[in-house]
């Protein structure tokens, strides 16, 4: 019984180290993609990071609002934000959006 329990514990440790290495590989690929985007965007303009991030964030918000037919509550949920946070960002970025009926939404 004791031998079996030790074997199971070793097997779990091996599984967790394999999982960690898989996650590290995914993170490395993600960081490569991020670096590619940074290199692409930082060509001649040399935008400040804050301004660049605001433009990216604004574009993402617009895309999700379009996807949800202008429904801020649904868009906030999909983005993992509180409704109030998304609403503040919509106001800050002066995003104008009209709600559409569900059958008109783009998915």
N, C-alpha and C. Protein backbone atom coordinates (compact mmCIF):
# COMPACT_ATOMS: atom_id res chain seq x y z
N UNK A 1 0.82 -1.19 0.00
CA UNK A 1 0.00 0.00 0.00
C UNK A 1 0.87 1.26 0.00
N UNK A 2 1.90 1.29 0.85
CA UNK A 2 2.78 2.44 0.94
C UNK A 2 3.52 2.63 -0.38
N UNK A 3 4.00 1.55 -0.99
CA UNK A 3 4.72 1.62 -2.26
C UNK A 3 3.82 2.21 -3.35
N UNK A 4 2.58 1.77 -3.37
CA UNK A 4 1.64 2.27 -4.37
C UNK A 4 1.40 3.78 -4.19
N UNK A 5 1.27 4.24 -2.97
CA UNK A 5 1.05 5.66 -2.70
C UNK A 5 2.27 6.48 -3.14
N UNK A 6 3.48 5.99 -2.86
CA UNK A 6 4.69 6.69 -3.28
C UNK A 6 4.77 6.78 -4.80
N UNK A 7 4.40 5.70 -5.48
CA UNK A 7 4.41 5.70 -6.94
C UNK A 7 3.44 6.75 -7.48
N UNK A 8 2.24 6.79 -6.90
CA UNK A 8 1.24 7.78 -7.34
C UNK A 8 1.73 9.20 -7.12
N UNK A 9 2.40 9.44 -6.00
CA UNK A 9 2.91 10.79 -5.72
C UNK A 9 3.99 11.17 -6.73
N UNK A 10 4.87 10.22 -7.07
CA UNK A 10 5.90 10.51 -8.08
C UNK A 10 5.27 10.78 -9.44
N UNK A 11 4.24 10.02 -9.78
CA UNK A 11 3.56 10.21 -11.06
C UNK A 11 2.93 11.60 -11.13
N UNK A 12 2.35 12.05 -10.03
CA UNK A 12 1.76 13.39 -10.00
C UNK A 12 2.81 14.46 -10.18
N UNK A 13 3.97 14.30 -9.52
CA UNK A 13 5.05 15.28 -9.68
C UNK A 13 5.51 15.36 -11.12
N UNK A 14 5.63 14.21 -11.78
CA UNK A 14 6.06 14.18 -13.18
C UNK A 14 5.03 14.87 -14.05
N UNK A 15 3.75 14.60 -13.81
CA UNK A 15 2.69 15.25 -14.58
C UNK A 15 2.72 16.76 -14.41
N UNK A 16 2.93 17.23 -13.19
CA UNK A 16 2.93 18.68 -12.96
C UNK A 16 4.13 19.33 -13.61
N UNK A 17 5.29 18.66 -13.62
CA UNK A 17 6.46 19.26 -14.28
C UNK A 17 6.26 19.29 -15.79
N UNK A 18 5.60 18.27 -16.34
CA UNK A 18 5.29 18.27 -17.77
C UNK A 18 4.33 19.39 -18.10
N UNK A 19 3.33 19.58 -17.25
CA UNK A 19 2.37 20.66 -17.45
C UNK A 19 3.06 22.01 -17.39
N UNK A 20 3.98 22.19 -16.44
CA UNK A 20 4.71 23.45 -16.32
C UNK A 20 5.52 23.73 -17.57
N UNK A 21 6.17 22.68 -18.12
CA UNK A 21 6.98 22.91 -19.32
C UNK A 21 6.10 23.23 -20.52
N UNK A 22 4.90 22.64 -20.59
CA UNK A 22 3.98 22.97 -21.68
C UNK A 22 3.53 24.42 -21.57
N UNK A 23 3.23 24.86 -20.33
CA UNK A 23 2.82 26.25 -20.12
C UNK A 23 3.95 27.20 -20.47
N UNK A 24 5.17 26.84 -20.11
CA UNK A 24 6.32 27.69 -20.43
C UNK A 24 6.48 27.82 -21.94
N UNK A 25 6.25 26.72 -22.66
CA UNK A 25 6.32 26.76 -24.12
C UNK A 25 5.27 27.67 -24.71
N UNK A 26 4.06 27.60 -24.15
CA UNK A 26 2.98 28.48 -24.62
C UNK A 26 3.30 29.94 -24.34
N UNK A 27 3.83 30.21 -23.14
CA UNK A 27 4.18 31.58 -22.79
C UNK A 27 5.27 32.11 -23.70
N UNK A 28 6.22 31.26 -24.06
CA UNK A 28 7.29 31.68 -24.96
C UNK A 28 6.72 32.03 -26.33
N UNK A 29 5.80 31.19 -26.82
CA UNK A 29 5.18 31.48 -28.12
C UNK A 29 4.39 32.78 -28.05
N UNK A 30 3.69 32.99 -26.94
CA UNK A 30 2.92 34.22 -26.78
C UNK A 30 3.83 35.42 -26.76
N UNK A 31 4.96 35.32 -26.06
CA UNK A 31 5.86 36.46 -26.00
C UNK A 31 6.48 36.73 -27.36
N UNK A 32 6.70 35.70 -28.16
CA UNK A 32 7.19 35.91 -29.52
C UNK A 32 6.16 36.67 -30.35
N UNK A 33 4.90 36.31 -30.21
CA UNK A 33 3.84 37.00 -30.95
C UNK A 33 3.75 38.46 -30.51
N UNK A 34 3.84 38.68 -29.21
CA UNK A 34 3.80 40.05 -28.69
C UNK A 34 4.97 40.85 -29.26
N UNK A 35 6.14 40.25 -29.27
CA UNK A 35 7.32 40.94 -29.80
C UNK A 35 7.14 41.26 -31.29
N UNK A 36 6.54 40.35 -32.04
CA UNK A 36 6.30 40.60 -33.46
C UNK A 36 5.36 41.79 -33.64
N UNK A 37 4.32 41.86 -32.83
CA UNK A 37 3.38 42.98 -32.92
C UNK A 37 4.08 44.29 -32.55
N UNK A 38 4.88 44.26 -31.49
CA UNK A 38 5.61 45.46 -31.08
C UNK A 38 6.53 45.92 -32.19
N UNK A 39 7.27 45.00 -32.79
CA UNK A 39 8.18 45.37 -33.88
C UNK A 39 7.42 45.96 -35.06
N UNK A 40 6.27 45.38 -35.36
CA UNK A 40 5.47 45.86 -36.48
C UNK A 40 4.95 47.28 -36.22
N UNK A 41 4.47 47.51 -35.01
CA UNK A 41 3.86 48.80 -34.69
C UNK A 41 4.89 49.90 -34.41
N UNK A 42 6.06 49.54 -33.97
CA UNK A 42 7.07 50.54 -33.61
C UNK A 42 8.00 50.83 -34.77
N UNK A 43 7.46 51.07 -35.93
CA UNK A 43 8.29 51.35 -37.10
C UNK A 43 8.70 52.81 -37.12
N UNK A 44 8.07 53.62 -37.94
CA UNK A 44 8.48 55.01 -38.09
C UNK A 44 7.87 55.92 -37.04
N UNK A 45 6.69 55.61 -36.56
CA UNK A 45 5.95 56.52 -35.68
C UNK A 45 6.57 56.69 -34.31
N UNK A 46 7.16 55.66 -33.77
CA UNK A 46 7.71 55.67 -32.41
C UNK A 46 6.68 56.21 -31.41
N UNK A 47 5.50 55.60 -31.42
CA UNK A 47 4.43 56.01 -30.50
C UNK A 47 4.83 55.69 -29.07
N UNK A 48 4.31 56.44 -28.16
CA UNK A 48 4.52 56.13 -26.76
C UNK A 48 3.70 54.89 -26.42
N UNK A 49 4.22 54.09 -25.51
CA UNK A 49 3.57 52.83 -25.16
C UNK A 49 2.13 53.05 -24.68
N UNK A 50 1.92 54.05 -23.85
CA UNK A 50 0.57 54.28 -23.32
C UNK A 50 -0.42 54.57 -24.44
N UNK A 51 -0.04 55.42 -25.37
CA UNK A 51 -0.93 55.76 -26.48
C UNK A 51 -1.21 54.54 -27.35
N UNK A 52 -0.18 53.75 -27.60
CA UNK A 52 -0.33 52.54 -28.39
C UNK A 52 -1.29 51.57 -27.71
N UNK A 53 -1.12 51.36 -26.40
CA UNK A 53 -1.98 50.44 -25.67
C UNK A 53 -3.43 50.94 -25.66
N UNK A 54 -3.62 52.25 -25.58
CA UNK A 54 -4.97 52.79 -25.62
C UNK A 54 -5.63 52.53 -26.97
N UNK A 55 -4.87 52.68 -28.03
CA UNK A 55 -5.42 52.42 -29.37
C UNK A 55 -5.78 50.95 -29.55
N UNK A 56 -4.92 50.08 -29.04
CA UNK A 56 -5.19 48.64 -29.12
C UNK A 56 -6.44 48.31 -28.30
N UNK A 57 -6.50 48.83 -27.07
CA UNK A 57 -7.64 48.57 -26.19
C UNK A 57 -8.94 49.09 -26.81
N UNK A 58 -8.90 50.27 -27.39
CA UNK A 58 -10.08 50.84 -28.04
C UNK A 58 -10.57 49.94 -29.17
N UNK A 59 -9.64 49.46 -29.98
CA UNK A 59 -9.99 48.56 -31.08
C UNK A 59 -10.62 47.26 -30.60
N UNK A 60 -10.08 46.72 -29.52
CA UNK A 60 -10.62 45.47 -28.97
C UNK A 60 -12.03 45.70 -28.45
N UNK A 61 -12.23 46.80 -27.75
CA UNK A 61 -13.57 47.12 -27.21
C UNK A 61 -14.57 47.27 -28.35
N UNK A 62 -14.18 47.99 -29.39
CA UNK A 62 -15.08 48.17 -30.54
C UNK A 62 -15.43 46.83 -31.17
N UNK A 63 -14.44 45.96 -31.31
CA UNK A 63 -14.69 44.64 -31.91
C UNK A 63 -15.67 43.83 -31.07
N UNK A 64 -15.50 43.84 -29.74
CA UNK A 64 -16.40 43.07 -28.88
C UNK A 64 -17.79 43.69 -28.81
N UNK A 65 -17.87 45.01 -28.85
CA UNK A 65 -19.19 45.64 -28.89
C UNK A 65 -19.90 45.30 -30.20
N UNK A 66 -19.15 45.26 -31.28
CA UNK A 66 -19.73 44.87 -32.56
C UNK A 66 -20.23 43.44 -32.50
N UNK A 67 -19.43 42.59 -31.91
CA UNK A 67 -19.76 41.17 -31.80
C UNK A 67 -21.00 40.93 -30.95
N UNK A 68 -21.22 41.79 -29.95
CA UNK A 68 -22.36 41.62 -29.04
C UNK A 68 -23.53 42.53 -29.38
N UNK A 69 -23.48 43.15 -30.54
CA UNK A 69 -24.57 44.02 -30.95
C UNK A 69 -24.67 45.27 -30.11
N UNK A 70 -23.56 45.72 -29.54
CA UNK A 70 -23.56 46.93 -28.73
C UNK A 70 -23.94 46.69 -27.28
N UNK A 71 -24.13 45.44 -26.89
CA UNK A 71 -24.51 45.11 -25.52
C UNK A 71 -23.26 45.15 -24.63
N UNK A 72 -23.15 46.22 -23.84
CA UNK A 72 -21.96 46.41 -23.01
C UNK A 72 -21.83 45.36 -21.92
N UNK A 73 -22.94 44.93 -21.36
CA UNK A 73 -22.86 43.91 -20.29
C UNK A 73 -22.29 42.60 -20.84
N UNK A 74 -22.77 42.20 -21.99
CA UNK A 74 -22.28 40.96 -22.60
C UNK A 74 -20.81 41.11 -23.02
N UNK A 75 -20.47 42.25 -23.62
CA UNK A 75 -19.09 42.50 -24.04
C UNK A 75 -18.16 42.49 -22.83
N UNK A 76 -18.59 43.11 -21.73
CA UNK A 76 -17.78 43.14 -20.51
C UNK A 76 -17.52 41.73 -20.00
N UNK A 77 -18.55 40.90 -20.03
CA UNK A 77 -18.41 39.52 -19.57
C UNK A 77 -17.41 38.76 -20.44
N UNK A 78 -17.51 38.93 -21.76
CA UNK A 78 -16.59 38.25 -22.67
C UNK A 78 -15.15 38.72 -22.48
N UNK A 79 -14.99 39.99 -22.15
CA UNK A 79 -13.66 40.56 -21.96
C UNK A 79 -13.10 40.32 -20.56
N UNK A 80 -13.94 39.81 -19.66
CA UNK A 80 -13.49 39.57 -18.30
C UNK A 80 -13.38 40.86 -17.49
N UNK A 81 -14.23 41.83 -17.84
CA UNK A 81 -14.24 43.12 -17.15
C UNK A 81 -15.56 43.30 -16.41
N UNK A 82 -15.54 44.19 -15.42
CA UNK A 82 -16.81 44.59 -14.81
C UNK A 82 -17.51 45.51 -15.81
N UNK A 83 -18.83 45.51 -15.75
CA UNK A 83 -19.61 46.36 -16.64
C UNK A 83 -19.21 47.83 -16.47
N UNK A 84 -19.04 48.25 -15.22
CA UNK A 84 -18.70 49.66 -14.96
C UNK A 84 -17.35 50.03 -15.54
N UNK A 85 -16.40 49.10 -15.50
CA UNK A 85 -15.07 49.36 -16.07
C UNK A 85 -15.17 49.54 -17.58
N UNK A 86 -15.91 48.64 -18.23
CA UNK A 86 -16.07 48.76 -19.68
C UNK A 86 -16.79 50.05 -20.03
N UNK A 87 -17.82 50.39 -19.26
CA UNK A 87 -18.57 51.61 -19.52
C UNK A 87 -17.67 52.85 -19.39
N UNK A 88 -16.79 52.87 -18.41
CA UNK A 88 -15.85 53.98 -18.26
C UNK A 88 -14.92 54.08 -19.46
N UNK A 89 -14.45 52.94 -19.94
CA UNK A 89 -13.55 52.93 -21.09
C UNK A 89 -14.27 53.39 -22.36
N UNK A 90 -15.52 52.99 -22.51
CA UNK A 90 -16.32 53.41 -23.67
C UNK A 90 -16.45 54.93 -23.66
N UNK A 91 -16.71 55.49 -22.49
CA UNK A 91 -16.82 56.95 -22.38
C UNK A 91 -15.47 57.63 -22.62
N UNK A 92 -14.41 57.08 -22.03
CA UNK A 92 -13.07 57.68 -22.17
C UNK A 92 -12.63 57.70 -23.63
N UNK A 93 -12.88 56.60 -24.34
CA UNK A 93 -12.46 56.51 -25.74
C UNK A 93 -13.51 57.06 -26.70
N UNK A 94 -14.59 57.60 -26.16
CA UNK A 94 -15.67 58.20 -26.94
C UNK A 94 -16.18 57.26 -28.04
N UNK A 95 -16.49 56.04 -27.61
CA UNK A 95 -17.00 55.03 -28.53
C UNK A 95 -18.52 55.16 -28.58
N UNK A 96 -19.04 55.36 -29.76
CA UNK A 96 -20.49 55.47 -29.97
C UNK A 96 -20.96 54.17 -30.61
N UNK A 97 -21.99 53.58 -30.01
CA UNK A 97 -22.48 52.30 -30.52
C UNK A 97 -23.96 52.20 -30.30
N UNK A 98 -24.68 51.78 -31.32
CA UNK A 98 -26.11 51.55 -31.18
C UNK A 98 -26.35 50.05 -31.04
N UNK A 99 -27.24 49.72 -30.11
CA UNK A 99 -27.58 48.31 -29.95
C UNK A 99 -28.33 47.82 -31.18
N UNK A 100 -28.03 46.58 -31.58
CA UNK A 100 -28.72 45.94 -32.70
C UNK A 100 -29.51 44.76 -32.16
N UNK A 101 -30.56 44.37 -32.86
CA UNK A 101 -31.28 43.15 -32.46
C UNK A 101 -30.36 41.94 -32.54
N UNK A 102 -30.65 40.93 -31.73
CA UNK A 102 -29.81 39.74 -31.66
C UNK A 102 -29.62 39.08 -33.01
N UNK A 103 -30.65 39.01 -33.85
CA UNK A 103 -30.53 38.33 -35.14
C UNK A 103 -29.61 39.06 -36.11
N UNK A 104 -29.26 40.31 -35.82
CA UNK A 104 -28.38 41.08 -36.70
C UNK A 104 -26.91 40.99 -36.27
N UNK A 105 -26.64 40.36 -35.12
CA UNK A 105 -25.28 40.32 -34.57
C UNK A 105 -24.36 39.49 -35.43
N UNK A 106 -23.10 39.88 -35.44
CA UNK A 106 -22.05 39.16 -36.17
C UNK A 106 -21.30 38.29 -35.18
N UNK A 107 -21.21 36.98 -35.47
CA UNK A 107 -20.46 36.08 -34.59
C UNK A 107 -19.36 35.41 -35.32
